[in-house]
Amino acid sequence: MRAHVEIIDERDYLWHPAELVRGEGDARQRNLAYDEEDGSVSTSTWFVSDWGRPAGIHHAETEWYVLEGEVRLGDEVLRQGGYFMVPTGVWTPALRVAAGSRVLIFREYGDWGFDVVEHGPAATVDGRGLVVRHSAQMPWIPVEIGSPMRFDLGGSPVPGLFIKLLYRNPATGFYTRLIKAQGGWTEHPLAHHPCYEEAYCLDGGFQYNYGEMWPGTYFFRPPLIRHGDFTAALEMGCTWIVRSDSDLVDWYTDESRVEMHGKAVNWGPEFPGTVAPRLLQPVRSRSLGEWKDPSYQ
């Protein structure tokens, strides 16, 4: 499983050799969130030199989102905002990446394995195949129209939130999208979801109960973690790439508070050297500083 990470600035993470086997060239990755049990990972990857790999088949569901530079996937040229998703076992055309390119790479339900195959299946047994998007050419659609997420129990979205849907698995609801909040967009109740949610900030800024996001900050939030009281930067708003492993359901909590009650047994003022327990805190980037408010949830 992946730990609750909220929030980190990717610049506080180390560069590792990229887990891009069968390729030629120098590439390095920052591991934003890593599942040591099944190999799933979310990375920010930097291609130090020109890099290339022949056509073949991934051992995991794989997504690439281009932050800057150029990626050639067969005959497709992907620049900033370019995206592709390939299911496990589906044939992927040859890749060529220009030196200096930066790409978010997501791997799900498997490790870095890759088999070089000249020709292969164009779809899985459930009919899914390679998906390519040029998000810079896609329109922003109001989230209440363009999102498959469910707005239950009065949880209608606050106007000012927009979406570009990049990919959705119709069987599981797993989906990847760009979300844009217009300047000053706010939503006050805390929310939690039955699915995991992760996001990488692409542009602008954003404040909520876990702190502040700016470009290059990231979170991975397991299911059922409450979060909220959102406010987008007044002038520029905020844009993220967001992923979740099923359709998102917003369960809202108003007037929330976290309280602990009980009688201390062997800790407290009369027991020198002991301290009170604290709520479990997620992994946090040093750029965000120490936790100061114990009521962060």
C-alpha atoms as a PDB file:
ATOM      1  CA  MET A   1       0.000   0.000   0.000  1.00  0.00           C
ATOM      2  CA  ARG A   2       1.017   3.623  -0.443  1.00  0.00           C
ATOM      3  CA  ALA A   3       1.380   5.931   2.533  1.00  0.00           C
ATOM      4  CA  HIS A   4      -0.712   9.039   3.056  1.00  0.00           C
ATOM      5  CA  VAL A   5       1.474  11.812   1.619  1.00  0.00           C
ATOM      6  CA  GLU A   6       0.158  15.353   2.155  1.00  0.00           C
ATOM      7  CA  ILE A   7       1.748  17.614   1.087  1.00  0.00           C
ATOM      8  CA  ILE A   8       5.208  17.265  -0.465  1.00  0.00           C
ATOM      9  CA  ASP A   9       7.148  19.487  -2.818  1.00  0.00           C
ATOM     10  CA  GLU A  10       8.768  17.198  -5.371  1.00  0.00           C
ATOM     11  CA  ARG A  11      12.029  19.188  -5.070  1.00  0.00           C
ATOM     12  CA  ASP A  12      12.438  17.740  -1.589  1.00  0.00           C
ATOM     13  CA  TYR A  13      12.684  14.223  -3.036  1.00  0.00           C
ATOM     14  CA  LEU A  14      15.820  12.532  -4.345  1.00  0.00           C
ATOM     15  CA  TRP A  15      16.492  11.611  -7.961  1.00  0.00           C
ATOM     16  CA  HIS A  16      16.739   7.848  -8.602  1.00  0.00           C
ATOM     17  CA  PRO A  17      17.645   5.984 -11.789  1.00  0.00           C
ATOM     18  CA  ALA A  18      14.404   5.765 -13.750  1.00  0.00           C
ATOM     19  CA  GLU A  19      12.624   2.396 -13.765  1.00  0.00           C
ATOM     20  CA  LEU A  20      12.359   2.405 -17.542  1.00  0.00           C
ATOM     21  CA  VAL A  21      13.884  -0.882 -18.604  1.00  0.00           C
ATOM     22  CA  ARG A  22      14.830  -1.809 -22.186  1.00  0.00           C
ATOM     23  CA  GLY A  23      15.465   1.852 -23.009  1.00  0.00           C
ATOM     24  CA  GLU A  24      18.604   3.701 -24.064  1.00  0.00           C
ATOM     25  CA  GLY A  25      19.552   7.052 -22.573  1.00  0.00           C
ATOM     26  CA  ASP A  26      19.774   8.702 -19.160  1.00  0.00           C
ATOM     27  CA  ALA A  27      16.509   9.190 -17.243  1.00  0.00           C
ATOM     28  CA  ARG A  28      15.889   9.784 -13.531  1.00  0.00           C
ATOM     29  CA  GLN A  29      12.788   9.768 -11.382  1.00  0.00           C
ATOM     30  CA  ARG A  30      11.503  11.194  -8.131  1.00  0.00           C
ATOM     31  CA  ASN A  31       9.184   8.746  -6.379  1.00  0.00           C
ATOM     32  CA  LEU A  32       6.166  10.766  -5.305  1.00  0.00           C
ATOM     33  CA  ALA A  33       4.315   7.731  -3.905  1.00  0.00           C
ATOM     34  CA  TYR A  34       5.419   4.083  -4.076  1.00  0.00           C
ATOM     35  CA  ASP A  35       3.593   0.835  -3.329  1.00  0.00           C
ATOM     36  CA  GLU A  36       6.217  -1.740  -2.352  1.00  0.00           C
ATOM     37  CA  GLU A  37       3.624  -4.526  -2.378  1.00  0.00           C
ATOM     38  CA  ASP A  38       2.592  -4.467  -6.022  1.00  0.00           C
ATOM     39  CA  GLY A  39       5.003  -2.017  -7.668  1.00  0.00           C
ATOM     40  CA  SER A  40       2.523   0.793  -8.301  1.00  0.00           C
ATOM     41  CA  VAL A  41       4.232   4.180  -8.327  1.00  0.00           C
ATOM     42  CA  SER A  42       3.722   7.831  -9.185  1.00  0.00           C
ATOM     43  CA  THR A  43       6.885   9.559 -10.406  1.00  0.00           C
ATOM     44  CA  SER A  44       8.198  12.822 -11.733  1.00  0.00           C
ATOM     45  CA  THR A  45      10.702  11.763 -14.398  1.00  0.00           C
ATOM     46  CA  TRP A  46      13.476  13.834 -15.955  1.00  0.00           C
ATOM     47  CA  PHE A  47      15.090  12.765 -19.210  1.00  0.00           C
ATOM     48  CA  VAL A  48      18.660  13.975 -18.871  1.00  0.00           C
ATOM     49  CA  SER A  49      19.590  12.891 -22.389  1.00  0.00           C
ATOM     50  CA  ASP A  50      17.676  11.824 -25.461  1.00  0.00           C
ATOM     51  CA  TRP A  51      16.011   8.543 -24.562  1.00  0.00           C
ATOM     52  CA  GLY A  52      14.336   5.826 -26.578  1.00  0.00           C
ATOM     53  CA  ARG A  53      12.750   2.417 -26.260  1.00  0.00           C
ATOM     54  CA  PRO A  54      11.417  -0.042 -28.859  1.00  0.00           C
ATOM     55  CA  ALA A  55       7.779  -1.054 -29.079  1.00  0.00           C
ATOM     56  CA  GLY A  56       6.537  -3.598 -26.576  1.00  0.00           C
ATOM     57  CA  ILE A  57       4.240  -4.474 -23.689  1.00  0.00           C
ATOM     58  CA  HIS A  58       4.153  -3.096 -20.124  1.00  0.00           C
ATOM     59  CA  HIS A  59       3.613  -5.322 -17.101  1.00  0.00           C
ATOM     60  CA  ALA A  60       1.503  -2.597 -15.447  1.00  0.00           C
ATOM     61  CA  GLU A  61      -1.186  -0.078 -16.383  1.00  0.00           C
ATOM     62  CA  THR A  62       0.932   2.888 -17.475  1.00  0.00           C
ATOM     63  CA  GLU A  63       0.205   6.593 -17.923  1.00  0.00           C
ATOM     64  CA  TRP A  64       2.464   9.426 -19.101  1.00  0.00           C
ATOM     65  CA  TYR A  65       1.660  13.147 -18.794  1.00  0.00           C
ATOM     66  CA  VAL A  66       4.148  15.558 -20.388  1.00  0.00           C
ATOM     67  CA  LEU A  67       5.074  18.547 -18.230  1.00  0.00           C
ATOM     68  CA  GLU A  68       7.595  19.955 -20.687  1.00  0.00           C
ATOM     69  CA  GLY A  69       9.639  18.854 -23.673  1.00  0.00           C
ATOM     70  CA  GLU A  70       8.667  16.347 -26.352  1.00  0.00           C
ATOM     71  CA  VAL A  71       7.673  12.687 -26.359  1.00  0.00           C
ATOM     72  CA  ARG A  72       7.153  10.737 -29.585  1.00  0.00           C
ATOM     73  CA  LEU A  73       4.876   7.720 -29.224  1.00  0.00           C
ATOM     74  CA  GLY A  74       4.968   6.045 -32.597  1.00  0.00           C
ATOM     75  CA  ASP A  75       3.621   8.698 -34.982  1.00  0.00           C
ATOM     76  CA  GLU A  76       2.122  10.823 -32.185  1.00  0.00           C
ATOM     77  CA  VAL A  77       4.072  13.876 -30.971  1.00  0.00           C
ATOM     78  CA  LEU A  78       3.217  14.796 -27.381  1.00  0.00           C
ATOM     79  CA  ARG A  79       4.274  18.144 -25.973  1.00  0.00           C
ATOM     80  CA  GLN A  80       3.212  20.009 -22.822  1.00  0.00           C
ATOM     81  CA  GLY A  81      -0.123  18.556 -21.745  1.00  0.00           C
ATOM     82  CA  GLY A  82       0.265  15.465 -23.924  1.00  0.00           C
ATOM     83  CA  TYR A  83      -0.945  12.250 -22.342  1.00  0.00           C
ATOM     84  CA  PHE A  84      -1.188   8.548 -23.027  1.00  0.00           C
ATOM     85  CA  MET A  85      -2.516   5.576 -21.100  1.00  0.00           C
ATOM     86  CA  VAL A  86      -1.859   1.944 -21.994  1.00  0.00           C
ATOM     87  CA  PRO A  87      -3.452  -1.013 -20.169  1.00  0.00           C
ATOM     88  CA  THR A  88      -1.384  -3.965 -19.033  1.00  0.00           C
ATOM     89  CA  GLY A  89      -0.613  -6.313 -21.913  1.00  0.00           C
ATOM     90  CA  VAL A  90      -1.504  -3.862 -24.683  1.00  0.00           C
ATOM     91  CA  TRP A  91       1.132  -3.231 -27.346  1.00  0.00           C
ATOM     92  CA  THR A  92       2.799   0.180 -27.078  1.00  0.00           C
ATOM     93  CA  PRO A  93       4.561   1.868 -30.031  1.00  0.00           C
ATOM     94  CA  ALA A  94       8.212   2.853 -29.808  1.00  0.00           C
ATOM     95  CA  LEU A  95       9.017   5.846 -27.591  1.00  0.00           C
ATOM     96  CA  ARG A  96      11.470   8.663 -28.237  1.00  0.00           C
ATOM     97  CA  VAL A  97      11.947  11.419 -25.649  1.00  0.00           C
ATOM     98  CA  ALA A  98      13.935  14.633 -26.145  1.00  0.00           C
ATOM     99  CA  ALA A  99      16.648  15.558 -23.660  1.00  0.00           C
ATOM    100  CA  GLY A 100      15.377  17.870 -20.932  1.00  0.00           C
ATOM    101  CA  SER A 101      11.800  16.597 -21.076  1.00  0.00           C
ATOM    102  CA  ARG A 102       9.901  16.172 -17.806  1.00  0.00           C
ATOM    103  CA  VAL A 103       7.045  13.685 -17.556  1.00  0.00           C
ATOM    104  CA  LEU A 104       4.729  12.467 -14.805  1.00  0.00           C
ATOM    105  CA  ILE A 105       4.662   8.669 -15.094  1.00  0.00           C
ATOM    106  CA  PHE A 106       2.076   6.586 -13.242  1.00  0.00           C
ATOM    107  CA  ARG A 107       2.265   2.809 -12.988  1.00  0.00           C
ATOM    108  CA  GLU A 108      -0.611   0.814 -11.521  1.00  0.00           C
ATOM    109  CA  TYR A 109      -1.025  -2.835 -10.425  1.00  0.00           C
ATOM    110  CA  GLY A 110       2.415  -3.979 -11.498  1.00  0.00           C
ATOM    111  CA  ASP A 111       6.139  -3.323 -11.589  1.00  0.00           C
ATOM    112  CA  TRP A 112       8.466  -1.727 -14.161  1.00  0.00           C
ATOM    113  CA  GLY A 113       8.612  -4.829 -16.356  1.00  0.00           C
ATOM    114  CA  PHE A 114       8.552  -4.263 -20.122  1.00  0.00           C
ATOM    115  CA  ASP A 115       8.875  -6.819 -22.929  1.00  0.00           C
ATOM    116  CA  VAL A 116      10.187  -5.707 -26.301  1.00  0.00           C
ATOM    117  CA  VAL A 117       7.630  -6.973 -28.852  1.00  0.00           C
ATOM    118  CA  GLU A 118       7.535  -5.945 -32.512  1.00  0.00           C
ATOM    119  CA  HIS A 119       3.781  -6.497 -32.796  1.00  0.00           C
ATOM    120  CA  GLY A 120       1.187  -7.217 -30.148  1.00  0.00           C
ATOM    121  CA  PRO A 121      -2.471  -6.957 -29.073  1.00  0.00           C
ATOM    122  CA  ALA A 122      -4.178  -3.612 -29.582  1.00  0.00           C
ATOM    123  CA  ALA A 123      -6.585  -4.189 -26.696  1.00  0.00           C
ATOM    124  CA  THR A 124      -7.054  -6.249 -23.544  1.00  0.00           C
ATOM    125  CA  VAL A 125      -9.712  -8.928 -23.090  1.00  0.00           C
ATOM    126  CA  ASP A 126     -12.062  -6.247 -21.735  1.00  0.00           C
ATOM    127  CA  GLY A 127     -11.685  -4.187 -24.905  1.00  0.00           C
ATOM    128  CA  ARG A 128      -9.479  -1.425 -23.549  1.00  0.00           C
ATOM    129  CA  GLY A 129      -6.655  -0.101 -25.706  1.00  0.00           C
ATOM    130  CA  LEU A 130      -4.138   2.704 -25.967  1.00  0.00           C
ATOM    131  CA  VAL A 131      -5.536   6.177 -25.191  1.00  0.00           C
ATOM    132  CA  VAL A 132      -3.792   9.354 -26.417  1.00  0.00           C
ATOM    133  CA  ARG A 133      -4.821  12.908 -25.522  1.00  0.00           C
ATOM    134  CA  HIS A 134      -3.519  16.358 -26.419  1.00  0.00           C
ATOM    135  CA  SER A 135      -4.999  18.181 -23.447  1.00  0.00           C
ATOM    136  CA  ALA A 136      -3.867  21.635 -24.589  1.00  0.00           C
ATOM    137  CA  GLN A 137      -6.355  21.279 -27.458  1.00  0.00           C
ATOM    138  CA  MET A 138      -9.225  20.091 -25.242  1.00  0.00           C
ATOM    139  CA  PRO A 139     -11.843  22.535 -23.889  1.00  0.00           C
ATOM    140  CA  TRP A 140     -12.426  23.075 -20.175  1.00  0.00           C
ATOM    141  CA  ILE A 141     -15.883  21.749 -19.266  1.00  0.00           C
ATOM    142  CA  PRO A 142     -17.782  22.617 -16.050  1.00  0.00           C
ATOM    143  CA  VAL A 143     -17.194  19.731 -13.669  1.00  0.00           C
ATOM    144  CA  GLU A 144     -20.905  19.113 -13.091  1.00  0.00           C
ATOM    145  CA  ILE A 145     -21.211  18.332 -16.821  1.00  0.00           C
ATOM    146  CA  GLY A 146     -17.894  16.725 -17.693  1.00  0.00           C
ATOM    147  CA  SER A 147     -17.092  14.611 -14.635  1.00  0.00           C
ATOM    148  CA  PRO A 148     -18.321  11.089 -13.865  1.00  0.00           C
ATOM    149  CA  MET A 149     -18.010  11.790 -10.119  1.00  0.00           C
ATOM    150  CA  ARG A 150     -21.185  11.493  -8.087  1.00  0.00           C
ATOM    151  CA  PHE A 151     -22.570  14.413  -6.109  1.00  0.00           C
ATOM    152  CA  ASP A 152     -24.568  12.724  -3.374  1.00  0.00           C
ATOM    153  CA  LEU A 153     -26.625  14.048  -0.463  1.00  0.00           C
ATOM    154  CA  GLY A 154     -26.714  17.640  -1.581  1.00  0.00           C
ATOM    155  CA  GLY A 155     -23.051  17.713  -2.529  1.00  0.00           C
ATOM    156  CA  SER A 156     -23.511  19.682  -5.718  1.00  0.00           C
ATOM    157  CA  PRO A 157     -20.258  21.198  -6.993  1.00  0.00           C
ATOM    158  CA  VAL A 158     -19.618  24.871  -6.367  1.00  0.00           C
ATOM    159  CA  PRO A 159     -19.533  26.797  -9.687  1.00  0.00           C
ATOM    160  CA  GLY A 160     -16.056  27.645 -10.911  1.00  0.00           C
ATOM    161  CA  LEU A 161     -14.540  24.148 -11.162  1.00  0.00           C
ATOM    162  CA  PHE A 162     -13.674  22.742 -14.617  1.00  0.00           C
ATOM    163  CA  ILE A 163     -12.435  19.419 -15.982  1.00  0.00           C
ATOM    164  CA  LYS A 164     -10.625  17.819 -18.908  1.00  0.00           C
ATOM    165  CA  LEU A 165     -11.239  14.072 -18.686  1.00  0.00           C
ATOM    166  CA  LEU A 166      -8.134  12.211 -19.885  1.00  0.00           C
ATOM    167  CA  TYR A 167      -9.075   8.607 -19.176  1.00  0.00           C
ATOM    168  CA  ARG A 168     -11.715   6.528 -17.422  1.00  0.00           C
ATOM    169  CA  ASN A 169     -11.993   2.760 -17.069  1.00  0.00           C
ATOM    170  CA  PRO A 170     -15.715   2.061 -17.603  1.00  0.00           C
ATOM    171  CA  ALA A 171     -15.578  -1.131 -15.540  1.00  0.00           C
ATOM    172  CA  THR A 172     -13.847   0.184 -12.404  1.00  0.00           C
ATOM    173  CA  GLY A 173     -14.388   3.925 -12.666  1.00  0.00           C
ATOM    174  CA  PHE A 174     -10.628   4.501 -12.333  1.00  0.00           C
ATOM    175  CA  TYR A 175     -10.046   7.891 -13.884  1.00  0.00           C
ATOM    176  CA  THR A 176      -7.449  10.569 -14.609  1.00  0.00           C
ATOM    177  CA  ARG A 177      -8.402  14.184 -15.268  1.00  0.00           C
ATOM    178  CA  LEU A 178      -7.192  17.750 -15.242  1.00  0.00           C
ATOM    179  CA  ILE A 179      -9.074  19.960 -12.794  1.00  0.00           C
ATOM    180  CA  LYS A 180      -9.032  23.754 -12.874  1.00  0.00           C
ATOM    181  CA  ALA A 181     -10.414  26.026 -10.151  1.00  0.00           C
ATOM    182  CA  GLN A 182     -11.032  29.619 -11.153  1.00  0.00           C
ATOM    183  CA  GLY A 183      -9.511  32.382  -9.033  1.00  0.00           C
ATOM    184  CA  GLY A 184     -11.069  32.601  -5.583  1.00  0.00           C
ATOM    185  CA  TRP A 185     -13.027  29.329  -5.922  1.00  0.00           C
ATOM    186  CA  THR A 186     -14.007  28.038  -2.481  1.00  0.00           C
ATOM    187  CA  GLU A 187     -15.746  25.038  -0.958  1.00  0.00           C
ATOM    188  CA  HIS A 188     -16.084  24.886   2.820  1.00  0.00           C
ATOM    189  CA  PRO A 189     -17.289  21.462   4.072  1.00  0.00           C
ATOM    190  CA  LEU A 190     -14.716  18.735   4.635  1.00  0.00           C
ATOM    191  CA  ALA A 191     -15.076  15.729   2.325  1.00  0.00           C
ATOM    192  CA  HIS A 192     -13.927  12.135   2.189  1.00  0.00           C
ATOM    193  CA  HIS A 193     -14.147   9.508  -0.558  1.00  0.00           C
ATOM    194  CA  PRO A 194     -14.376   5.692  -0.832  1.00  0.00           C
ATOM    195  CA  CYS A 195     -11.424   5.742  -3.273  1.00  0.00           C
ATOM    196  CA  TYR A 196      -7.871   6.982  -3.155  1.00  0.00           C
ATOM    197  CA  GLU A 197      -7.128  10.405  -4.609  1.00  0.00           C
ATOM    198  CA  GLU A 198      -3.828  11.872  -5.743  1.00  0.00           C
ATOM    199  CA  ALA A 199      -2.969  15.196  -7.318  1.00  0.00           C
ATOM    200  CA  TYR A 200       0.017  17.112  -8.666  1.00  0.00           C
ATOM    201  CA  CYS A 201      -0.274  20.891  -8.895  1.00  0.00           C
ATOM    202  CA  LEU A 202       0.495  22.161 -12.398  1.00  0.00           C
ATOM    203  CA  ASP A 203      -0.278  25.854 -12.094  1.00  0.00           C
ATOM    204  CA  GLY A 204      -1.516  28.465  -9.631  1.00  0.00           C
ATOM    205  CA  GLY A 205      -2.105  27.971  -5.919  1.00  0.00           C
ATOM    206  CA  PHE A 206      -4.516  26.506  -3.439  1.00  0.00           C
ATOM    207  CA  GLN A 207      -5.112  26.451   0.332  1.00  0.00           C
ATOM    208  CA  TYR A 208      -6.968  23.853   2.399  1.00  0.00           C
ATOM    209  CA  ASN A 209      -6.788  22.103   5.756  1.00  0.00           C
ATOM    210  CA  TYR A 210      -3.483  20.357   5.009  1.00  0.00           C
ATOM    211  CA  GLY A 211      -1.696  23.519   3.906  1.00  0.00           C
ATOM    212  CA  GLU A 212      -0.904  25.225   0.618  1.00  0.00           C
ATOM    213  CA  MET A 213      -0.195  23.836  -2.839  1.00  0.00           C
ATOM    214  CA  TRP A 214       1.878  25.446  -5.570  1.00  0.00           C
ATOM    215  CA  PRO A 215       3.327  24.071  -8.837  1.00  0.00           C
ATOM    216  CA  GLY A 216       5.307  20.910  -8.147  1.00  0.00           C
ATOM    217  CA  THR A 217       3.510  19.988  -4.917  1.00  0.00           C
ATOM    218  CA  TYR A 218       1.737  16.643  -4.621  1.00  0.00           C
ATOM    219  CA  PHE A 219      -0.446  14.515  -2.381  1.00  0.00           C
ATOM    220  CA  PHE A 220      -1.488  10.876  -2.266  1.00  0.00           C
ATOM    221  CA  ARG A 221      -4.525  10.386  -0.034  1.00  0.00           C
ATOM    222  CA  PRO A 222      -5.858   6.895   0.794  1.00  0.00           C
ATOM    223  CA  PRO A 223      -9.621   6.341   1.040  1.00  0.00           C
ATOM    224  CA  LEU A 224     -11.677   7.927   3.845  1.00  0.00           C
ATOM    225  CA  ILE A 225      -9.236  10.750   4.720  1.00  0.00           C
ATOM    226  CA  ARG A 226     -11.172  13.940   5.426  1.00  0.00           C
ATOM    227  CA  HIS A 227      -9.917  17.070   3.697  1.00  0.00           C
ATOM    228  CA  GLY A 228     -11.308  20.373   2.631  1.00  0.00           C
ATOM    229  CA  ASP A 229     -12.140  24.004   3.259  1.00  0.00           C
ATOM    230  CA  PHE A 230     -10.698  24.745  -0.170  1.00  0.00           C
ATOM    231  CA  THR A 231      -9.712  28.181  -1.462  1.00  0.00           C
ATOM    232  CA  ALA A 232      -8.008  28.695  -4.834  1.00  0.00           C
ATOM    233  CA  ALA A 233      -5.588  31.590  -5.316  1.00  0.00           C
ATOM    234  CA  LEU A 234      -7.587  34.764  -5.855  1.00  0.00           C
ATOM    235  CA  GLU A 235      -6.057  35.881  -9.157  1.00  0.00           C
ATOM    236  CA  MET A 236      -4.646  32.773 -10.855  1.00  0.00           C
ATOM    237  CA  GLY A 237      -6.787  29.927  -9.518  1.00  0.00           C
ATOM    238  CA  CYS A 238      -5.233  26.459  -9.585  1.00  0.00           C
ATOM    239  CA  THR A 239      -4.799  23.539 -11.990  1.00  0.00           C
ATOM    240  CA  TRP A 240      -3.991  19.938 -11.061  1.00  0.00           C
ATOM    241  CA  ILE A 241      -3.740  16.534 -12.641  1.00  0.00           C
ATOM    242  CA  VAL A 242      -5.871  14.276 -10.436  1.00  0.00           C
ATOM    243  CA  ARG A 243      -6.239  10.480 -10.329  1.00  0.00           C
ATOM    244  CA  SER A 244      -8.492   8.141  -8.342  1.00  0.00           C
ATOM    245  CA  ASP A 245      -8.989   4.403  -8.440  1.00  0.00           C
ATOM    246  CA  SER A 246     -12.777   4.570  -8.852  1.00  0.00           C
ATOM    247  CA  ASP A 247     -15.448   7.165  -9.516  1.00  0.00           C
ATOM    248  CA  LEU A 248     -15.225   9.857  -6.876  1.00  0.00           C
ATOM    249  CA  VAL A 249     -18.058  10.189  -4.351  1.00  0.00           C
ATOM    250  CA  ASP A 250     -18.006  13.261  -2.088  1.00  0.00           C
ATOM    251  CA  TRP A 251     -19.211  12.547   1.447  1.00  0.00           C
ATOM    252  CA  TYR A 252     -19.345  15.911   3.221  1.00  0.00           C
ATOM    253  CA  THR A 253     -18.856  16.835   6.873  1.00  0.00           C
ATOM    254  CA  ASP A 254     -19.940  20.219   8.193  1.00  0.00           C
ATOM    255  CA  GLU A 255     -18.950  21.748  11.544  1.00  0.00           C
ATOM    256  CA  SER A 256     -16.309  19.056  11.969  1.00  0.00           C
ATOM    257  CA  ARG A 257     -13.899  18.778  14.894  1.00  0.00           C
ATOM    258  CA  VAL A 258     -11.447  16.232  16.189  1.00  0.00           C
ATOM    259  CA  GLU A 259     -11.588  15.443  19.908  1.00  0.00           C
ATOM    260  CA  MET A 260      -9.907  12.910  22.178  1.00  0.00           C
ATOM    261  CA  HIS A 261     -11.448  11.852  25.485  1.00  0.00           C
ATOM    262  CA  GLY A 262     -10.225   9.473  28.139  1.00  0.00           C
ATOM    263  CA  LYS A 263      -8.350   9.074  31.400  1.00  0.00           C
ATOM    264  CA  ALA A 264      -4.542   8.885  31.289  1.00  0.00           C
ATOM    265  CA  VAL A 265      -3.163   5.733  32.957  1.00  0.00           C
ATOM    266  CA  ASN A 266       0.624   5.998  32.909  1.00  0.00           C
ATOM    267  CA  TRP A 267       1.320   9.308  31.184  1.00  0.00           C
ATOM    268  CA  GLY A 268       0.703  12.955  31.945  1.00  0.00           C
ATOM    269  CA  PRO A 269       2.111  15.678  34.225  1.00  0.00           C
ATOM    270  CA  GLU A 270       2.746  13.261  37.087  1.00  0.00           C
ATOM    271  CA  PHE A 271       4.855  10.985  34.859  1.00  0.00           C
ATOM    272  CA  PRO A 272       8.024  12.895  33.803  1.00  0.00           C
ATOM    273  CA  GLY A 273       9.167  12.300  30.244  1.00  0.00           C
ATOM    274  CA  THR A 274       5.754  11.286  28.904  1.00  0.00           C
ATOM    275  CA  VAL A 275       3.700  13.194  26.335  1.00  0.00           C
ATOM    276  CA  ALA A 276       0.109  13.154  25.188  1.00  0.00           C
ATOM    277  CA  PRO A 277      -0.766  11.085  22.072  1.00  0.00           C
ATOM    278  CA  ARG A 278      -1.339  12.856  18.802  1.00  0.00           C
ATOM    279  CA  LEU A 279      -3.336  12.153  15.701  1.00  0.00           C
ATOM    280  CA  LEU A 280      -1.609  10.199  12.950  1.00  0.00           C
ATOM    281  CA  GLN A 281      -0.015  12.713  10.618  1.00  0.00           C
ATOM    282  CA  PRO A 282       0.662  12.064   6.929  1.00  0.00           C
ATOM    283  CA  VAL A 283       4.071  12.257   5.307  1.00  0.00           C
ATOM    284  CA  ARG A 284       4.846  15.931   4.802  1.00  0.00           C
ATOM    285  CA  SER A 285       7.473  17.795   2.789  1.00  0.00           C
ATOM    286  CA  ARG A 286      10.055  19.876   4.634  1.00  0.00           C
ATOM    287  CA  SER A 287       9.180  22.755   2.302  1.00  0.00           C
ATOM    288  CA  LEU A 288       5.785  22.891   4.036  1.00  0.00           C
ATOM    289  CA  GLY A 289       7.360  23.046   7.498  1.00  0.00           C
ATOM    290  CA  GLU A 290       6.340  21.389  10.742  1.00  0.00           C
ATOM    291  CA  TRP A 291       2.726  20.685  11.644  1.00  0.00           C
ATOM    292  CA  LYS A 292       1.473  23.443  13.949  1.00  0.00           C
ATOM    293  CA  ASP A 293      -2.273  22.937  14.226  1.00  0.00           C
ATOM    294  CA  PRO A 294      -3.355  19.656  15.901  1.00  0.00           C
ATOM    295  CA  SER A 295      -6.858  20.089  14.469  1.00  0.00           C
ATOM    296  CA  TYR A 296      -5.634  19.718  10.867  1.00  0.00           C
ATOM    297  CA  GLN A 297      -8.156  16.989  10.092  1.00  0.00           C
END
